[in-house]
Amino acid sequence: NEIFELFQSAYSGASEKTDDSNVKEFTICSLTESGKRVPVYVQKKKKSGEGSATQLDAIVNYIASYCNGKGVTRLSSIETLSNLV
């Protein structure tokens, strides 16, 4: 009396991976007369969640731009269809 159904699930809320692997962290310093280093410029890698879109946002944007390029029209929404019944 048990029912087993197959389903697939995935998590798409993680931040989108960007191609920051080539970015090197470095600091440019100037020296004062006493020999103390004073940072002038600092380049750091972006953190994974810092201002980036989620994986879901990225795939939705990709599909939308692909469909716009191919001329695929958007279907009507569920609310519109339920009003017809």
PDB file of N, CA and C in Angstrom:
ATOM      1  N   ASN A   1       0.801  -1.192   0.000  1.00  0.00           N
ATOM      2  CA  ASN A   1       0.000   0.000   0.000  1.00  0.00           C
ATOM      3  C   ASN A   1       0.851   1.268   0.000  1.00  0.00           C
ATOM      4  N   GLU A   2       2.079   1.130  -0.400  1.00  0.00           N
ATOM      5  CA  GLU A   2       2.954   2.308  -0.468  1.00  0.00           C
ATOM      6  C   GLU A   2       3.155   2.720  -1.912  1.00  0.00           C
ATOM      7  N   ILE A   3       3.198   4.014  -2.113  1.00  0.00           N
ATOM      8  CA  ILE A   3       3.420   4.548  -3.453  1.00  0.00           C
ATOM      9  C   ILE A   3       4.776   5.243  -3.462  1.00  0.00           C
ATOM     10  N   PHE A   4       5.620   4.841  -4.404  1.00  0.00           N
ATOM     11  CA  PHE A   4       6.924   5.473  -4.562  1.00  0.00           C
ATOM     12  C   PHE A   4       6.925   6.230  -5.882  1.00  0.00           C
ATOM     13  N   GLU A   5       7.224   7.507  -5.824  1.00  0.00           N
ATOM     14  CA  GLU A   5       7.297   8.317  -7.035  1.00  0.00           C
ATOM     15  C   GLU A   5       8.689   8.904  -7.155  1.00  0.00           C
ATOM     16  N   LEU A   6       9.191   8.891  -8.350  1.00  0.00           N
ATOM     17  CA  LEU A   6      10.496   9.489  -8.618  1.00  0.00           C
ATOM     18  C   LEU A   6      10.328  10.975  -8.847  1.00  0.00           C
ATOM     19  N   PHE A   7      11.227  11.761  -8.298  1.00  0.00           N
ATOM     20  CA  PHE A   7      11.239  13.184  -8.572  1.00  0.00           C
ATOM     21  C   PHE A   7      12.670  13.685  -8.485  1.00  0.00           C
ATOM     22  N   GLN A   8      12.903  14.781  -9.107  1.00  0.00           N
ATOM     23  CA  GLN A   8      14.238  15.387  -9.095  1.00  0.00           C
ATOM     24  C   GLN A   8      14.110  16.790  -8.522  1.00  0.00           C
ATOM     25  N   SER A   9      15.037  17.144  -7.667  1.00  0.00           N
ATOM     26  CA  SER A   9      15.011  18.486  -7.103  1.00  0.00           C
ATOM     27  C   SER A   9      16.412  19.069  -7.157  1.00  0.00           C
ATOM     28  N   ALA A  10      16.477  20.383  -7.093  1.00  0.00           N
ATOM     29  CA  ALA A  10      17.768  21.074  -7.115  1.00  0.00           C
ATOM     30  C   ALA A  10      17.633  22.384  -6.366  1.00  0.00           C
ATOM     31  N   TYR A  11      18.735  22.867  -5.870  1.00  0.00           N
ATOM     32  CA  TYR A  11      18.768  24.163  -5.188  1.00  0.00           C
ATOM     33  C   TYR A  11      19.359  25.185  -6.151  1.00  0.00           C
ATOM     34  N   SER A  12      18.661  26.266  -6.397  1.00  0.00           N
ATOM     35  CA  SER A  12      19.144  27.268  -7.345  1.00  0.00           C
ATOM     36  C   SER A  12      19.265  28.642  -6.701  1.00  0.00           C
ATOM     37  N   GLY A  13      19.349  28.696  -5.375  1.00  0.00           N
ATOM     38  CA  GLY A  13      19.454  29.969  -4.685  1.00  0.00           C
ATOM     39  C   GLY A  13      20.889  30.397  -4.411  1.00  0.00           C
ATOM     40  N   ALA A  14      21.854  29.562  -4.791  1.00  0.00           N
ATOM     41  CA  ALA A  14      23.262  29.916  -4.584  1.00  0.00           C
ATOM     42  C   ALA A  14      23.657  31.040  -5.530  1.00  0.00           C
ATOM     43  N   SER A  15      24.707  31.744  -5.193  1.00  0.00           N
ATOM     44  CA  SER A  15      25.135  32.838  -6.062  1.00  0.00           C
ATOM     45  C   SER A  15      25.761  32.285  -7.337  1.00  0.00           C
ATOM     46  N   GLU A  16      25.580  33.035  -8.399  1.00  0.00           N
ATOM     47  CA  GLU A  16      26.090  32.634  -9.710  1.00  0.00           C
ATOM     48  C   GLU A  16      27.613  32.688  -9.706  1.00  0.00           C
ATOM     49  N   LYS A  17      28.249  31.679 -10.275  1.00  0.00           N
ATOM     50  CA  LYS A  17      29.700  31.678 -10.360  1.00  0.00           C
ATOM     51  C   LYS A  17      30.126  32.574 -11.512  1.00  0.00           C
ATOM     52  N   THR A  18      31.075  33.432 -11.247  1.00  0.00           N
ATOM     53  CA  THR A  18      31.614  34.290 -12.287  1.00  0.00           C
ATOM     54  C   THR A  18      33.040  33.892 -12.572  1.00  0.00           C
ATOM     55  N   ASP A  19      33.589  34.413 -13.629  1.00  0.00           N
ATOM     56  CA  ASP A  19      34.943  34.046 -14.033  1.00  0.00           C
ATOM     57  C   ASP A  19      35.951  34.971 -13.366  1.00  0.00           C
ATOM     58  N   ASP A  20      36.036  34.889 -12.024  1.00  0.00           N
ATOM     59  CA  ASP A  20      36.992  35.687 -11.262  1.00  0.00           C
ATOM     60  C   ASP A  20      38.233  34.886 -10.896  1.00  0.00           C
ATOM     61  N   SER A  21      38.387  33.713 -11.513  1.00  0.00           N
ATOM     62  CA  SER A  21      39.516  32.858 -11.147  1.00  0.00           C
ATOM     63  C   SER A  21      40.853  33.461 -11.589  1.00  0.00           C
ATOM     64  N   ASN A  22      40.835  34.343 -12.582  1.00  0.00           N
ATOM     65  CA  ASN A  22      42.075  34.957 -13.072  1.00  0.00           C
ATOM     66  C   ASN A  22      42.453  36.225 -12.308  1.00  0.00           C
ATOM     67  N   VAL A  23      41.588  36.666 -11.395  1.00  0.00           N
ATOM     68  CA  VAL A  23      41.849  37.887 -10.643  1.00  0.00           C
ATOM     69  C   VAL A  23      42.842  37.597  -9.525  1.00  0.00           C
ATOM     70  N   LYS A  24      43.924  38.342  -9.490  1.00  0.00           N
ATOM     71  CA  LYS A  24      44.949  38.186  -8.449  1.00  0.00           C
ATOM     72  C   LYS A  24      44.751  39.261  -7.391  1.00  0.00           C
ATOM     73  N   GLU A  25      44.919  38.875  -6.143  1.00  0.00           N
ATOM     74  CA  GLU A  25      44.866  39.848  -5.063  1.00  0.00           C
ATOM     75  C   GLU A  25      46.238  40.488  -4.905  1.00  0.00           C
ATOM     76  N   PHE A  26      46.259  41.800  -4.791  1.00  0.00           N
ATOM     77  CA  PHE A  26      47.526  42.493  -4.559  1.00  0.00           C
ATOM     78  C   PHE A  26      47.266  43.847  -3.922  1.00  0.00           C
ATOM     79  N   THR A  27      48.326  44.421  -3.366  1.00  0.00           N
ATOM     80  CA  THR A  27      48.266  45.735  -2.741  1.00  0.00           C
ATOM     81  C   THR A  27      49.446  46.565  -3.217  1.00  0.00           C
ATOM     82  N   ILE A  28      49.167  47.792  -3.607  1.00  0.00           N
ATOM     83  CA  ILE A  28      50.224  48.733  -3.980  1.00  0.00           C
ATOM     84  C   ILE A  28      50.402  49.697  -2.812  1.00  0.00           C
ATOM     85  N   CYS A  29      51.645  49.796  -2.318  1.00  0.00           N
ATOM     86  CA  CYS A  29      51.927  50.632  -1.156  1.00  0.00           C
ATOM     87  C   CYS A  29      52.950  51.702  -1.512  1.00  0.00           C
ATOM     88  N   SER A  30      52.875  52.804  -0.809  1.00  0.00           N
ATOM     89  CA  SER A  30      53.930  53.814  -0.883  1.00  0.00           C
ATOM     90  C   SER A  30      54.647  53.830   0.463  1.00  0.00           C
ATOM     91  N   LEU A  31      55.904  54.212   0.438  1.00  0.00           N
ATOM     92  CA  LEU A  31      56.692  54.252   1.665  1.00  0.00           C
ATOM     93  C   LEU A  31      56.822  55.691   2.153  1.00  0.00           C
ATOM     94  N   THR A  32      56.630  55.865   3.444  1.00  0.00           N
ATOM     95  CA  THR A  32      56.844  57.192   4.030  1.00  0.00           C
ATOM     96  C   THR A  32      58.334  57.354   4.322  1.00  0.00           C
ATOM     97  N   GLU A  33      58.723  58.528   4.744  1.00  0.00           N
ATOM     98  CA  GLU A  33      60.132  58.773   5.049  1.00  0.00           C
ATOM     99  C   GLU A  33      60.628  57.920   6.209  1.00  0.00           C
ATOM    100  N   SER A  34      59.704  57.515   7.093  1.00  0.00           N
ATOM    101  CA  SER A  34      60.097  56.674   8.221  1.00  0.00           C
ATOM    102  C   SER A  34      60.130  55.191   7.851  1.00  0.00           C
ATOM    103  N   GLY A  35      59.745  54.849   6.629  1.00  0.00           N
ATOM    104  CA  GLY A  35      59.765  53.457   6.181  1.00  0.00           C
ATOM    105  C   GLY A  35      58.459  52.724   6.367  1.00  0.00           C
ATOM    106  N   LYS A  36      57.433  53.430   6.786  1.00  0.00           N
ATOM    107  CA  LYS A  36      56.138  52.800   6.990  1.00  0.00           C
ATOM    108  C   LYS A  36      55.418  52.624   5.649  1.00  0.00           C
ATOM    109  N   ARG A  37      54.795  51.466   5.446  1.00  0.00           N
ATOM    110  CA  ARG A  37      54.034  51.206   4.217  1.00  0.00           C
ATOM    111  C   ARG A  37      52.614  51.749   4.358  1.00  0.00           C
ATOM    112  N   VAL A  38      52.184  52.499   3.356  1.00  0.00           N
ATOM    113  CA  VAL A  38      50.830  53.047   3.329  1.00  0.00           C
ATOM    114  C   VAL A  38      50.138  52.516   2.070  1.00  0.00           C
ATOM    115  N   PRO A  39      49.075  51.726   2.217  1.00  0.00           N
ATOM    116  CA  PRO A  39      48.382  51.188   1.035  1.00  0.00           C
ATOM    117  C   PRO A  39      47.787  52.305   0.183  1.00  0.00           C
ATOM    118  N   VAL A  40      48.068  52.231  -1.109  1.00  0.00           N
ATOM    119  CA  VAL A  40      47.523  53.196  -2.056  1.00  0.00           C
ATOM    120  C   VAL A  40      46.365  52.571  -2.825  1.00  0.00           C
ATOM    121  N   TYR A  41      46.523  51.289  -3.211  1.00  0.00           N
ATOM    122  CA  TYR A  41      45.485  50.579  -3.963  1.00  0.00           C
ATOM    123  C   TYR A  41      45.466  49.122  -3.511  1.00  0.00           C
ATOM    124  N   VAL A  42      44.268  48.573  -3.314  1.00  0.00           N
ATOM    125  CA  VAL A  42      44.120  47.172  -2.912  1.00  0.00           C
ATOM    126  C   VAL A  42      43.127  46.508  -3.863  1.00  0.00           C
ATOM    127  N   GLN A  43      43.525  45.389  -4.460  1.00  0.00           N
ATOM    128  CA  GLN A  43      42.611  44.614  -5.312  1.00  0.00           C
ATOM    129  C   GLN A  43      42.358  43.284  -4.635  1.00  0.00           C
ATOM    130  N   LYS A  44      41.088  42.987  -4.389  1.00  0.00           N
ATOM    131  CA  LYS A  44      40.700  41.730  -3.763  1.00  0.00           C
ATOM    132  C   LYS A  44      39.721  41.002  -4.662  1.00  0.00           C
ATOM    133  N   LYS A  45      39.624  39.694  -4.486  1.00  0.00           N
ATOM    134  CA  LYS A  45      38.631  38.915  -5.216  1.00  0.00           C
ATOM    135  C   LYS A  45      37.262  39.208  -4.630  1.00  0.00           C
ATOM    136  N   LYS A  46      36.238  39.178  -5.485  1.00  0.00           N
ATOM    137  CA  LYS A  46      34.876  39.363  -4.992  1.00  0.00           C
ATOM    138  C   LYS A  46      34.449  38.135  -4.221  1.00  0.00           C
ATOM    139  N   LYS A  47      33.709  38.350  -3.167  1.00  0.00           N
ATOM    140  CA  LYS A  47      33.140  37.228  -2.433  1.00  0.00           C
ATOM    141  C   LYS A  47      31.999  36.654  -3.250  1.00  0.00           C
ATOM    142  N   SER A  48      31.703  35.387  -3.030  1.00  0.00           N
ATOM    143  CA  SER A  48      30.731  34.687  -3.870  1.00  0.00           C
ATOM    144  C   SER A  48      29.328  35.299  -3.828  1.00  0.00           C
ATOM    145  N   GLY A  49      28.906  35.856  -2.718  1.00  0.00           N
ATOM    146  CA  GLY A  49      27.556  36.400  -2.627  1.00  0.00           C
ATOM    147  C   GLY A  49      27.486  37.901  -2.769  1.00  0.00           C
ATOM    148  N   GLU A  50      28.552  38.530  -3.162  1.00  0.00           N
ATOM    149  CA  GLU A  50      28.643  39.987  -3.150  1.00  0.00           C
ATOM    150  C   GLU A  50      28.085  40.592  -4.436  1.00  0.00           C
ATOM    151  N   GLY A  51      26.832  41.029  -4.404  1.00  0.00           N
ATOM    152  CA  GLY A  51      26.235  41.730  -5.525  1.00  0.00           C
ATOM    153  C   GLY A  51      26.021  40.880  -6.762  1.00  0.00           C
ATOM    154  N   SER A  52      26.021  39.564  -6.619  1.00  0.00           N
ATOM    155  CA  SER A  52      25.834  38.718  -7.782  1.00  0.00           C
ATOM    156  C   SER A  52      24.424  38.144  -7.785  1.00  0.00           C
ATOM    157  N   ALA A  53      24.001  37.748  -8.962  1.00  0.00           N
ATOM    158  CA  ALA A  53      22.676  37.158  -9.107  1.00  0.00           C
ATOM    159  C   ALA A  53      22.712  35.702  -8.656  1.00  0.00           C
ATOM    160  N   THR A  54      21.545  35.159  -8.355  1.00  0.00           N
ATOM    161  CA  THR A  54      21.476  33.749  -8.004  1.00  0.00           C
ATOM    162  C   THR A  54      21.509  32.911  -9.271  1.00  0.00           C
ATOM    163  N   GLN A  55      21.710  31.606  -9.123  1.00  0.00           N
ATOM    164  CA  GLN A  55      21.708  30.714 -10.269  1.00  0.00           C
ATOM    165  C   GLN A  55      20.352  30.739 -10.969  1.00  0.00           C
ATOM    166  N   LEU A  56      19.281  30.848 -10.189  1.00  0.00           N
ATOM    167  CA  LEU A  56      17.947  30.913 -10.769  1.00  0.00           C
ATOM    168  C   LEU A  56      17.781  32.178 -11.609  1.00  0.00           C
ATOM    169  N   ASP A  57      18.223  33.323 -11.089  1.00  0.00           N
ATOM    170  CA  ASP A  57      18.153  34.571 -11.852  1.00  0.00           C
ATOM    171  C   ASP A  57      18.939  34.460 -13.155  1.00  0.00           C
ATOM    172  N   ALA A  58      20.119  33.844 -13.083  1.00  0.00           N
ATOM    173  CA  ALA A  58      20.971  33.723 -14.261  1.00  0.00           C
ATOM    174  C   ALA A  58      20.327  32.871 -15.344  1.00  0.00           C
ATOM    175  N   ILE A  59      19.740  31.738 -14.971  1.00  0.00           N
ATOM    176  CA  ILE A  59      19.120  30.867 -15.976  1.00  0.00           C
ATOM    177  C   ILE A  59      17.842  31.485 -16.539  1.00  0.00           C
ATOM    178  N   VAL A  60      17.064  32.166 -15.704  1.00  0.00           N
ATOM    179  CA  VAL A  60      15.852  32.829 -16.197  1.00  0.00           C
ATOM    180  C   VAL A  60      16.221  33.943 -17.173  1.00  0.00           C
ATOM    181  N   ASN A  61      17.244  34.735 -16.857  1.00  0.00           N
ATOM    182  CA  ASN A  61      17.685  35.800 -17.764  1.00  0.00           C
ATOM    183  C   ASN A  61      18.215  35.225 -19.073  1.00  0.00           C
ATOM    184  N   TYR A  62      18.951  34.118 -18.988  1.00  0.00           N
ATOM    185  CA  TYR A  62      19.481  33.488 -20.206  1.00  0.00           C
ATOM    186  C   TYR A  62      18.353  32.993 -21.101  1.00  0.00           C
ATOM    187  N   ILE A  63      17.372  32.302 -20.508  1.00  0.00           N
ATOM    188  CA  ILE A  63      16.253  31.781 -21.295  1.00  0.00           C
ATOM    189  C   ILE A  63      15.438  32.918 -21.895  1.00  0.00           C
ATOM    190  N   ALA A  64      15.221  33.991 -21.127  1.00  0.00           N
ATOM    191  CA  ALA A  64      14.460  35.135 -21.641  1.00  0.00           C
ATOM    192  C   ALA A  64      15.173  35.790 -22.822  1.00  0.00           C
ATOM    193  N   SER A  65      16.491  35.980 -22.714  1.00  0.00           N
ATOM    194  CA  SER A  65      17.214  36.611 -23.826  1.00  0.00           C
ATOM    195  C   SER A  65      17.273  35.683 -25.043  1.00  0.00           C
ATOM    196  N   TYR A  66      17.385  34.374 -24.819  1.00  0.00           N
ATOM    197  CA  TYR A  66      17.385  33.416 -25.922  1.00  0.00           C
ATOM    198  C   TYR A  66      16.054  33.456 -26.656  1.00  0.00           C
ATOM    199  N   CYS A  67      14.954  33.424 -25.890  1.00  0.00           N
ATOM    200  CA  CYS A  67      13.624  33.442 -26.501  1.00  0.00           C
ATOM    201  C   CYS A  67      13.356  34.752 -27.230  1.00  0.00           C
ATOM    202  N   ASN A  68      13.814  35.859 -26.666  1.00  0.00           N
ATOM    203  CA  ASN A  68      13.651  37.154 -27.350  1.00  0.00           C
ATOM    204  C   ASN A  68      14.420  37.168 -28.660  1.00  0.00           C
ATOM    205  N   GLY A  69      15.609  36.595 -28.676  1.00  0.00           N
ATOM    206  CA  GLY A  69      16.423  36.538 -29.895  1.00  0.00           C
ATOM    207  C   GLY A  69      15.812  35.647 -30.964  1.00  0.00           C
ATOM    208  N   LYS A  70      15.126  34.586 -30.559  1.00  0.00           N
ATOM    209  CA  LYS A  70      14.510  33.638 -31.504  1.00  0.00           C
ATOM    210  C   LYS A  70      13.072  34.003 -31.843  1.00  0.00           C
ATOM    211  N   GLY A  71      12.532  35.036 -31.207  1.00  0.00           N
ATOM    212  CA  GLY A  71      11.167  35.472 -31.498  1.00  0.00           C
ATOM    213  C   GLY A  71      10.091  34.603 -30.858  1.00  0.00           C
ATOM    214  N   VAL A  72      10.408  33.914 -29.780  1.00  0.00           N
ATOM    215  CA  VAL A  72       9.430  33.080 -29.084  1.00  0.00           C
ATOM    216  C   VAL A  72       8.579  33.989 -28.208  1.00  0.00           C
ATOM    217  N   THR A  73       7.259  33.912 -28.371  1.00  0.00           N
ATOM    218  CA  THR A  73       6.381  34.770 -27.585  1.00  0.00           C
ATOM    219  C   THR A  73       6.057  34.112 -26.245  1.00  0.00           C
ATOM    220  N   ARG A  74       5.792  34.942 -25.270  1.00  0.00           N
ATOM    221  CA  ARG A  74       5.493  34.469 -23.926  1.00  0.00           C
ATOM    222  C   ARG A  74       4.046  34.001 -23.859  1.00  0.00           C
ATOM    223  N   LEU A  75       3.806  32.887 -23.164  1.00  0.00           N
ATOM    224  CA  LEU A  75       2.444  32.386 -22.986  1.00  0.00           C
ATOM    225  C   LEU A  75       1.695  33.263 -21.993  1.00  0.00           C
ATOM    226  N   SER A  76       0.368  33.197 -22.069  1.00  0.00           N
ATOM    227  CA  SER A  76      -0.426  33.979 -21.119  1.00  0.00           C
ATOM    228  C   SER A  76      -0.285  33.381 -19.735  1.00  0.00           C
ATOM    229  N   SER A  77      -0.506  34.202 -18.715  1.00  0.00           N
ATOM    230  CA  SER A  77      -0.317  33.768 -17.334  1.00  0.00           C
ATOM    231  C   SER A  77      -1.463  32.877 -16.868  1.00  0.00           C
ATOM    232  N   ILE A  78      -1.267  32.217 -15.755  1.00  0.00           N
ATOM    233  CA  ILE A  78      -2.272  31.316 -15.197  1.00  0.00           C
ATOM    234  C   ILE A  78      -3.519  32.099 -14.788  1.00  0.00           C
ATOM    235  N   GLU A  79      -3.349  33.308 -14.256  1.00  0.00           N
ATOM    236  CA  GLU A  79      -4.500  34.104 -13.843  1.00  0.00           C
ATOM    237  C   GLU A  79      -5.417  34.399 -15.017  1.00  0.00           C
ATOM    238  N   THR A  80      -4.837  34.676 -16.185  1.00  0.00           N
ATOM    239  CA  THR A  80      -5.627  34.971 -17.368  1.00  0.00           C
ATOM    240  C   THR A  80      -6.400  33.729 -17.807  1.00  0.00           C
ATOM    241  N   LEU A  81      -5.754  32.579 -17.745  1.00  0.00           N
ATOM    242  CA  LEU A  81      -6.414  31.337 -18.167  1.00  0.00           C
ATOM    243  C   LEU A  81      -7.534  30.942 -17.194  1.00  0.00           C
ATOM    244  N   SER A  82      -7.350  31.172 -15.887  1.00  0.00           N
ATOM    245  CA  SER A  82      -8.377  30.779 -14.922  1.00  0.00           C
ATOM    246  C   SER A  82      -9.624  31.636 -15.054  1.00  0.00           C
ATOM    247  N   ASN A  83      -9.494  32.859 -15.576  1.00  0.00           N
ATOM    248  CA  ASN A  83     -10.657  33.722 -15.769  1.00  0.00           C
ATOM    249  C   ASN A  83     -11.508  33.266 -16.934  1.00  0.00           C
ATOM    250  N   LEU A  84     -10.932  32.502 -17.863  1.00  0.00           N
ATOM    251  CA  LEU A  84     -11.670  32.034 -19.035  1.00  0.00           C
ATOM    252  C   LEU A  84     -12.588  30.848 -18.715  1.00  0.00           C
ATOM    253  N   VAL A  85     -12.303  30.155 -17.644  1.00  0.00           N
ATOM    254  CA  VAL A  85     -13.068  28.935 -17.300  1.00  0.00           C
ATOM    255  C   VAL A  85     -14.366  29.259 -16.656  1.00  0.00           C
TER     256      VAL A  85
END
